[in-house]
Structure formats: C-alpha cells, structure tokens
Amino acid sequence: MTAKLLIGAALLAAAAPAYAEAWDFVLVNKTGKTVKAVELSSAGQGAWVSEEVMEERENKPVRPGESHTVHFDKKECTLDVRLTFSDDVQAVFSKFNACDNAFGEFSFKGELPVVKGS
C-alpha cells in the first residue's frame, strides 16, 4: 500500500506543470541612448522570449540616466539582455545575473556593451 502511494505521489509530481516565478530587476540606463525595447534570453541561447516595448503611452522609453523595472519569469538566473534604442540599433549585454543583482547598470565601454550588477 505504501509503495502505491509513493508511486502515485511521484506520478502527480511529474505531471504537475513547471511554473516559473515572477521576478524583476531594475535596469539603470547609462548607455547615453534612449531605450525603446528590452528583450531577455537565457545566457548564450539567443532565444528572445520576453520583450517589453517602451512607448510613450504605457511604458515610457528609458532615457539616459533613468531606470526601468524589468519583469521576467525566473527560469534561469543568468540572462542576456538585448536593448533596442530609439535609433533602432540593438546591443546585447551578456551574462547578467538577475537573481543575485536587483539592479543592473547598462553602459558601453567604447562600443562594447557592459552590465554591472548590484
């Protein structure tokens, strides 16, 4: 009887859908450009699954020096963040750990995208 209960519990656990947790981090724009869209992917995957488009009506564009709270489903902690700027140029900021850092300062070192977490 105990074996049947354990097997039943294991089957139920396996059948339960995997729900991601809702998380967020604060993007601090130190790029010198206005951000109009934010996309996220698991680090190194290039599968942009989450997108926030900043429009004048709802999510306002993130101007230089401003910040924006980015919401995402926590499936992975280490993310690549792709920013689209008002001039339609995109930059990928690699390997930002959104679980360990509540804030990410996004900037450029020369032309190289750099993110510093805190």
N, C-alpha and C. Protein backbone atom coordinates (compact mmCIF):
# COMPACT_ATOMS: atom_id res chain seq x y z
N MET A 1 0.83 -1.20 0.00
CA MET A 1 0.00 0.00 0.00
C MET A 1 0.87 1.26 0.00
N THR A 2 1.90 1.27 0.82
CA THR A 2 2.79 2.43 0.88
C THR A 2 3.49 2.64 -0.45
N ALA A 3 3.87 1.55 -1.10
CA ALA A 3 4.54 1.66 -2.40
C ALA A 3 3.61 2.30 -3.42
N LYS A 4 2.32 1.92 -3.41
CA LYS A 4 1.37 2.50 -4.34
C LYS A 4 1.20 4.00 -4.10
N LEU A 5 1.16 4.41 -2.83
CA LEU A 5 1.04 5.83 -2.51
C LEU A 5 2.26 6.61 -2.98
N LEU A 6 3.43 6.03 -2.77
CA LEU A 6 4.66 6.71 -3.20
C LEU A 6 4.72 6.83 -4.72
N ILE A 7 4.33 5.77 -5.41
CA ILE A 7 4.31 5.82 -6.88
C ILE A 7 3.29 6.85 -7.36
N GLY A 8 2.11 6.88 -6.75
CA GLY A 8 1.09 7.85 -7.12
C GLY A 8 1.56 9.28 -6.89
N ALA A 9 2.22 9.52 -5.76
CA ALA A 9 2.73 10.86 -5.46
C ALA A 9 3.81 11.26 -6.47
N ALA A 10 4.65 10.32 -6.83
CA ALA A 10 5.71 10.61 -7.81
C ALA A 10 5.11 10.94 -9.17
N LEU A 11 4.08 10.21 -9.57
CA LEU A 11 3.43 10.48 -10.85
C LEU A 11 2.75 11.84 -10.86
N LEU A 12 2.11 12.20 -9.77
CA LEU A 12 1.47 13.51 -9.68
C LEU A 12 2.50 14.63 -9.74
N ALA A 13 3.61 14.45 -9.05
CA ALA A 13 4.66 15.47 -9.06
C ALA A 13 5.23 15.63 -10.46
N ALA A 14 5.40 14.53 -11.17
CA ALA A 14 5.96 14.59 -12.52
C ALA A 14 4.96 15.23 -13.49
N ALA A 15 3.69 15.04 -13.25
CA ALA A 15 2.66 15.56 -14.15
C ALA A 15 2.36 17.04 -13.90
N ALA A 16 2.73 17.55 -12.74
CA ALA A 16 2.44 18.95 -12.42
C ALA A 16 3.25 19.86 -13.34
N PRO A 17 2.63 20.90 -13.87
CA PRO A 17 3.36 21.80 -14.75
C PRO A 17 4.41 22.59 -13.98
N ALA A 18 5.50 22.90 -14.63
CA ALA A 18 6.56 23.68 -14.00
C ALA A 18 6.21 25.16 -14.15
N TYR A 19 5.93 25.80 -13.06
CA TYR A 19 5.60 27.22 -13.09
C TYR A 19 6.85 28.03 -12.79
N ALA A 20 7.08 29.04 -13.57
CA ALA A 20 8.19 29.94 -13.33
C ALA A 20 7.77 30.99 -12.32
N GLU A 21 8.73 31.46 -11.57
CA GLU A 21 8.45 32.51 -10.60
C GLU A 21 8.54 33.87 -11.28
N ALA A 22 7.70 34.79 -10.87
CA ALA A 22 7.77 36.16 -11.38
C ALA A 22 8.85 36.91 -10.62
N TRP A 23 9.82 37.43 -11.35
CA TRP A 23 10.93 38.17 -10.76
C TRP A 23 11.06 39.50 -11.49
N ASP A 24 11.91 40.37 -10.97
CA ASP A 24 12.22 41.60 -11.66
C ASP A 24 13.59 42.11 -11.26
N PHE A 25 14.10 43.03 -12.05
CA PHE A 25 15.32 43.75 -11.73
C PHE A 25 15.17 45.16 -12.29
N VAL A 26 15.98 46.06 -11.78
CA VAL A 26 15.92 47.45 -12.23
C VAL A 26 17.04 47.70 -13.22
N LEU A 27 16.66 48.06 -14.44
CA LEU A 27 17.60 48.43 -15.48
C LEU A 27 17.93 49.91 -15.31
N VAL A 28 19.20 50.22 -15.08
CA VAL A 28 19.65 51.61 -14.98
C VAL A 28 20.36 51.94 -16.29
N ASN A 29 19.80 52.89 -17.03
CA ASN A 29 20.30 53.21 -18.37
C ASN A 29 21.45 54.21 -18.28
N LYS A 30 22.67 53.71 -18.46
CA LYS A 30 23.85 54.56 -18.50
C LYS A 30 24.52 54.46 -19.87
N THR A 31 23.71 54.13 -20.89
CA THR A 31 24.24 53.94 -22.24
C THR A 31 24.43 55.23 -23.00
N GLY A 32 23.77 56.29 -22.57
CA GLY A 32 23.80 57.54 -23.32
C GLY A 32 22.76 57.58 -24.43
N LYS A 33 21.95 56.50 -24.56
CA LYS A 33 20.92 56.41 -25.59
C LYS A 33 19.58 56.11 -24.93
N THR A 34 18.50 56.42 -25.62
CA THR A 34 17.16 56.12 -25.13
C THR A 34 16.79 54.69 -25.52
N VAL A 35 16.35 53.90 -24.53
CA VAL A 35 15.96 52.51 -24.74
C VAL A 35 14.47 52.46 -25.05
N LYS A 36 14.12 51.79 -26.17
CA LYS A 36 12.70 51.66 -26.51
C LYS A 36 12.19 50.23 -26.37
N ALA A 37 13.09 49.24 -26.22
CA ALA A 37 12.64 47.86 -26.00
C ALA A 37 13.71 47.08 -25.25
N VAL A 38 13.24 46.15 -24.41
CA VAL A 38 14.11 45.26 -23.64
C VAL A 38 13.67 43.84 -23.92
N GLU A 39 14.63 42.98 -24.27
CA GLU A 39 14.34 41.57 -24.50
C GLU A 39 15.30 40.73 -23.67
N LEU A 40 14.83 39.57 -23.22
CA LEU A 40 15.63 38.69 -22.37
C LEU A 40 15.75 37.31 -22.99
N SER A 41 16.89 36.67 -22.72
CA SER A 41 17.13 35.30 -23.15
C SER A 41 18.01 34.63 -22.11
N SER A 42 17.91 33.32 -21.98
CA SER A 42 18.88 32.60 -21.16
C SER A 42 20.25 32.86 -21.77
N ALA A 43 21.26 33.04 -20.93
CA ALA A 43 22.60 33.40 -21.41
C ALA A 43 23.08 32.43 -22.49
N GLY A 44 23.56 33.00 -23.60
CA GLY A 44 24.13 32.23 -24.68
C GLY A 44 23.14 31.54 -25.60
N GLN A 45 21.84 31.66 -25.35
CA GLN A 45 20.84 30.95 -26.14
C GLN A 45 20.33 31.74 -27.34
N GLY A 46 20.25 33.05 -27.23
CA GLY A 46 19.74 33.86 -28.33
C GLY A 46 18.28 33.63 -28.64
N ALA A 47 17.54 33.07 -27.67
CA ALA A 47 16.10 32.84 -27.84
C ALA A 47 15.38 33.91 -27.04
N TRP A 48 15.05 35.00 -27.68
CA TRP A 48 14.49 36.17 -27.01
C TRP A 48 13.04 35.90 -26.68
N VAL A 49 12.76 35.54 -25.42
CA VAL A 49 11.43 35.09 -25.03
C VAL A 49 10.60 36.16 -24.34
N SER A 50 11.23 37.15 -23.81
CA SER A 50 10.49 38.17 -23.06
C SER A 50 10.80 39.52 -23.68
N GLU A 51 9.78 40.29 -23.98
CA GLU A 51 10.00 41.60 -24.58
C GLU A 51 9.12 42.64 -23.92
N GLU A 52 9.73 43.76 -23.59
CA GLU A 52 8.99 44.91 -23.11
C GLU A 52 9.26 46.05 -24.07
N VAL A 53 8.22 46.57 -24.68
CA VAL A 53 8.36 47.69 -25.61
C VAL A 53 7.94 48.95 -24.88
N MET A 54 8.82 49.93 -24.91
CA MET A 54 8.53 51.19 -24.25
C MET A 54 7.92 52.15 -25.26
N GLU A 55 6.70 52.56 -24.99
CA GLU A 55 6.01 53.52 -25.84
C GLU A 55 5.65 54.72 -24.99
N GLU A 56 5.34 55.78 -25.62
CA GLU A 56 5.01 56.99 -24.89
C GLU A 56 3.78 56.83 -24.00
N ARG A 57 2.85 55.93 -24.37
CA ARG A 57 1.60 55.81 -23.63
C ARG A 57 1.75 55.03 -22.33
N GLU A 58 2.30 53.83 -22.38
CA GLU A 58 2.32 52.97 -21.19
C GLU A 58 3.70 52.94 -20.56
N ASN A 59 4.57 52.10 -21.08
CA ASN A 59 5.96 52.07 -20.62
C ASN A 59 6.72 53.13 -21.38
N LYS A 60 7.09 54.17 -20.71
CA LYS A 60 7.79 55.25 -21.39
C LYS A 60 9.21 54.80 -21.73
N PRO A 61 9.76 55.31 -22.83
CA PRO A 61 11.14 55.00 -23.16
C PRO A 61 12.06 55.35 -21.99
N VAL A 62 13.11 54.58 -21.84
CA VAL A 62 14.05 54.79 -20.74
C VAL A 62 15.18 55.67 -21.26
N ARG A 63 15.11 56.92 -20.87
CA ARG A 63 16.10 57.89 -21.33
C ARG A 63 17.41 57.71 -20.55
N PRO A 64 18.51 58.24 -21.07
CA PRO A 64 19.79 58.14 -20.35
C PRO A 64 19.67 58.67 -18.93
N GLY A 65 20.19 57.89 -17.99
CA GLY A 65 20.13 58.27 -16.58
C GLY A 65 18.89 57.80 -15.86
N GLU A 66 17.89 57.33 -16.59
CA GLU A 66 16.65 56.85 -15.97
C GLU A 66 16.74 55.35 -15.72
N SER A 67 15.76 54.84 -14.97
CA SER A 67 15.70 53.41 -14.68
C SER A 67 14.31 52.87 -15.01
N HIS A 68 14.25 51.55 -15.16
CA HIS A 68 13.01 50.87 -15.52
C HIS A 68 13.03 49.49 -14.87
N THR A 69 11.92 49.09 -14.27
CA THR A 69 11.81 47.76 -13.69
C THR A 69 11.42 46.77 -14.77
N VAL A 70 12.26 45.75 -14.95
CA VAL A 70 12.04 44.72 -15.96
C VAL A 70 11.49 43.48 -15.25
N HIS A 71 10.35 43.02 -15.69
CA HIS A 71 9.71 41.83 -15.12
C HIS A 71 10.02 40.63 -16.00
N PHE A 72 10.29 39.49 -15.37
CA PHE A 72 10.57 38.28 -16.13
C PHE A 72 10.21 37.05 -15.32
N ASP A 73 10.03 35.93 -16.02
CA ASP A 73 9.79 34.65 -15.37
C ASP A 73 11.13 34.01 -15.08
N LYS A 74 11.36 33.71 -13.80
CA LYS A 74 12.64 33.14 -13.41
C LYS A 74 12.69 31.67 -13.81
N LYS A 75 13.35 31.42 -14.92
CA LYS A 75 13.66 30.06 -15.34
C LYS A 75 15.15 29.86 -15.23
N GLU A 76 15.88 30.91 -15.49
CA GLU A 76 17.33 30.95 -15.41
C GLU A 76 17.71 32.23 -14.67
N CYS A 77 18.85 32.21 -14.01
CA CYS A 77 19.32 33.41 -13.34
C CYS A 77 20.21 34.27 -14.24
N THR A 78 21.02 33.61 -15.07
CA THR A 78 21.96 34.33 -15.91
C THR A 78 21.31 34.61 -17.26
N LEU A 79 21.16 35.88 -17.55
CA LEU A 79 20.41 36.32 -18.73
C LEU A 79 21.28 37.14 -19.67
N ASP A 80 20.96 37.06 -20.95
CA ASP A 80 21.44 38.04 -21.92
C ASP A 80 20.30 39.04 -22.07
N VAL A 81 20.63 40.31 -22.09
CA VAL A 81 19.63 41.36 -22.20
C VAL A 81 19.91 42.13 -23.49
N ARG A 82 18.91 42.15 -24.39
CA ARG A 82 19.06 42.88 -25.64
C ARG A 82 18.25 44.16 -25.55
N LEU A 83 18.92 45.27 -25.72
CA LEU A 83 18.27 46.58 -25.70
C LEU A 83 18.16 47.09 -27.13
N THR A 84 16.99 47.63 -27.44
CA THR A 84 16.80 48.32 -28.72
C THR A 84 16.65 49.80 -28.39
N PHE A 85 17.45 50.61 -29.06
CA PHE A 85 17.49 52.04 -28.78
C PHE A 85 16.58 52.79 -29.75
N SER A 86 16.35 54.05 -29.47
CA SER A 86 15.43 54.85 -30.27
C SER A 86 15.86 54.97 -31.73
N ASP A 87 17.15 54.76 -32.02
CA ASP A 87 17.63 54.80 -33.41
C ASP A 87 17.59 53.41 -34.06
N ASP A 88 16.92 52.44 -33.41
CA ASP A 88 16.75 51.06 -33.86
C ASP A 88 18.03 50.23 -33.82
N VAL A 89 19.10 50.75 -33.27
CA VAL A 89 20.31 49.97 -33.06
C VAL A 89 20.08 49.08 -31.84
N GLN A 90 20.58 47.84 -31.91
CA GLN A 90 20.44 46.90 -30.79
C GLN A 90 21.81 46.57 -30.22
N ALA A 91 21.83 46.26 -28.92
CA ALA A 91 23.05 45.81 -28.25
C ALA A 91 22.67 44.70 -27.28
N VAL A 92 23.51 43.67 -27.22
CA VAL A 92 23.29 42.55 -26.30
C VAL A 92 24.28 42.67 -25.15
N PHE A 93 23.73 42.70 -23.95
CA PHE A 93 24.51 42.75 -22.73
C PHE A 93 24.49 41.34 -22.14
N SER A 94 25.65 40.68 -22.14
CA SER A 94 25.73 39.25 -21.84
C SER A 94 25.92 38.97 -20.35
N LYS A 95 25.33 37.85 -19.96
CA LYS A 95 25.56 37.21 -18.66
C LYS A 95 25.26 38.08 -17.45
N PHE A 96 24.09 38.71 -17.46
CA PHE A 96 23.64 39.46 -16.28
C PHE A 96 22.94 38.50 -15.34
N ASN A 97 23.39 38.42 -14.09
CA ASN A 97 22.78 37.53 -13.10
C ASN A 97 21.66 38.29 -12.39
N ALA A 98 20.43 38.06 -12.83
CA ALA A 98 19.27 38.77 -12.30
C ALA A 98 18.82 38.23 -10.95
N CYS A 99 19.30 37.05 -10.55
CA CYS A 99 18.93 36.50 -9.24
C CYS A 99 19.79 37.11 -8.13
N ASP A 100 21.04 37.38 -8.45
CA ASP A 100 21.96 37.93 -7.45
C ASP A 100 21.99 39.45 -7.42
N ASN A 101 21.44 40.09 -8.46
CA ASN A 101 21.53 41.54 -8.58
C ASN A 101 20.15 42.15 -8.81
N ALA A 102 19.74 43.02 -7.91
CA ALA A 102 18.45 43.71 -8.05
C ALA A 102 18.54 44.87 -9.04
N PHE A 103 19.76 45.36 -9.26
CA PHE A 103 19.99 46.48 -10.17
C PHE A 103 21.03 46.08 -11.21
N GLY A 104 20.85 46.55 -12.42
CA GLY A 104 21.85 46.36 -13.47
C GLY A 104 22.11 47.69 -14.13
N GLU A 105 23.37 48.13 -14.08
CA GLU A 105 23.77 49.36 -14.75
C GLU A 105 24.27 49.00 -16.14
N PHE A 106 23.52 49.40 -17.16
CA PHE A 106 23.83 49.07 -18.54
C PHE A 106 24.54 50.26 -19.17
N SER A 107 25.74 50.02 -19.71
CA SER A 107 26.53 51.10 -20.29
C SER A 107 27.39 50.54 -21.43
N PHE A 108 28.21 51.40 -22.00
CA PHE A 108 29.16 50.99 -23.03
C PHE A 108 30.56 51.37 -22.57
N LYS A 109 31.49 50.48 -22.84
CA LYS A 109 32.91 50.79 -22.65
C LYS A 109 33.47 50.84 -24.07
N GLY A 110 33.59 52.06 -24.60
CA GLY A 110 33.86 52.21 -26.02
C GLY A 110 32.59 51.80 -26.76
N GLU A 111 32.68 50.79 -27.60
CA GLU A 111 31.49 50.26 -28.28
C GLU A 111 31.02 48.94 -27.67
N LEU A 112 31.71 48.46 -26.64
CA LEU A 112 31.41 47.18 -26.02
C LEU A 112 30.31 47.33 -24.96
N PRO A 113 29.18 46.58 -25.10
CA PRO A 113 28.12 46.62 -24.08
C PRO A 113 28.61 46.02 -22.77
N VAL A 114 28.37 46.73 -21.68
CA VAL A 114 28.82 46.29 -20.35
C VAL A 114 27.66 46.42 -19.38
N VAL A 115 27.47 45.39 -18.54
CA VAL A 115 26.45 45.48 -17.48
C VAL A 115 27.12 45.18 -16.16
N LYS A 116 26.82 46.02 -15.17
CA LYS A 116 27.38 45.87 -13.84
C LYS A 116 26.21 45.69 -12.88
N GLY A 117 26.19 44.58 -12.18
CA GLY A 117 25.11 44.30 -11.24
C GLY A 117 25.42 44.75 -9.84
N SER A 118 24.35 45.05 -9.11
CA SER A 118 24.49 45.39 -7.68
C SER A 118 23.23 45.01 -6.96
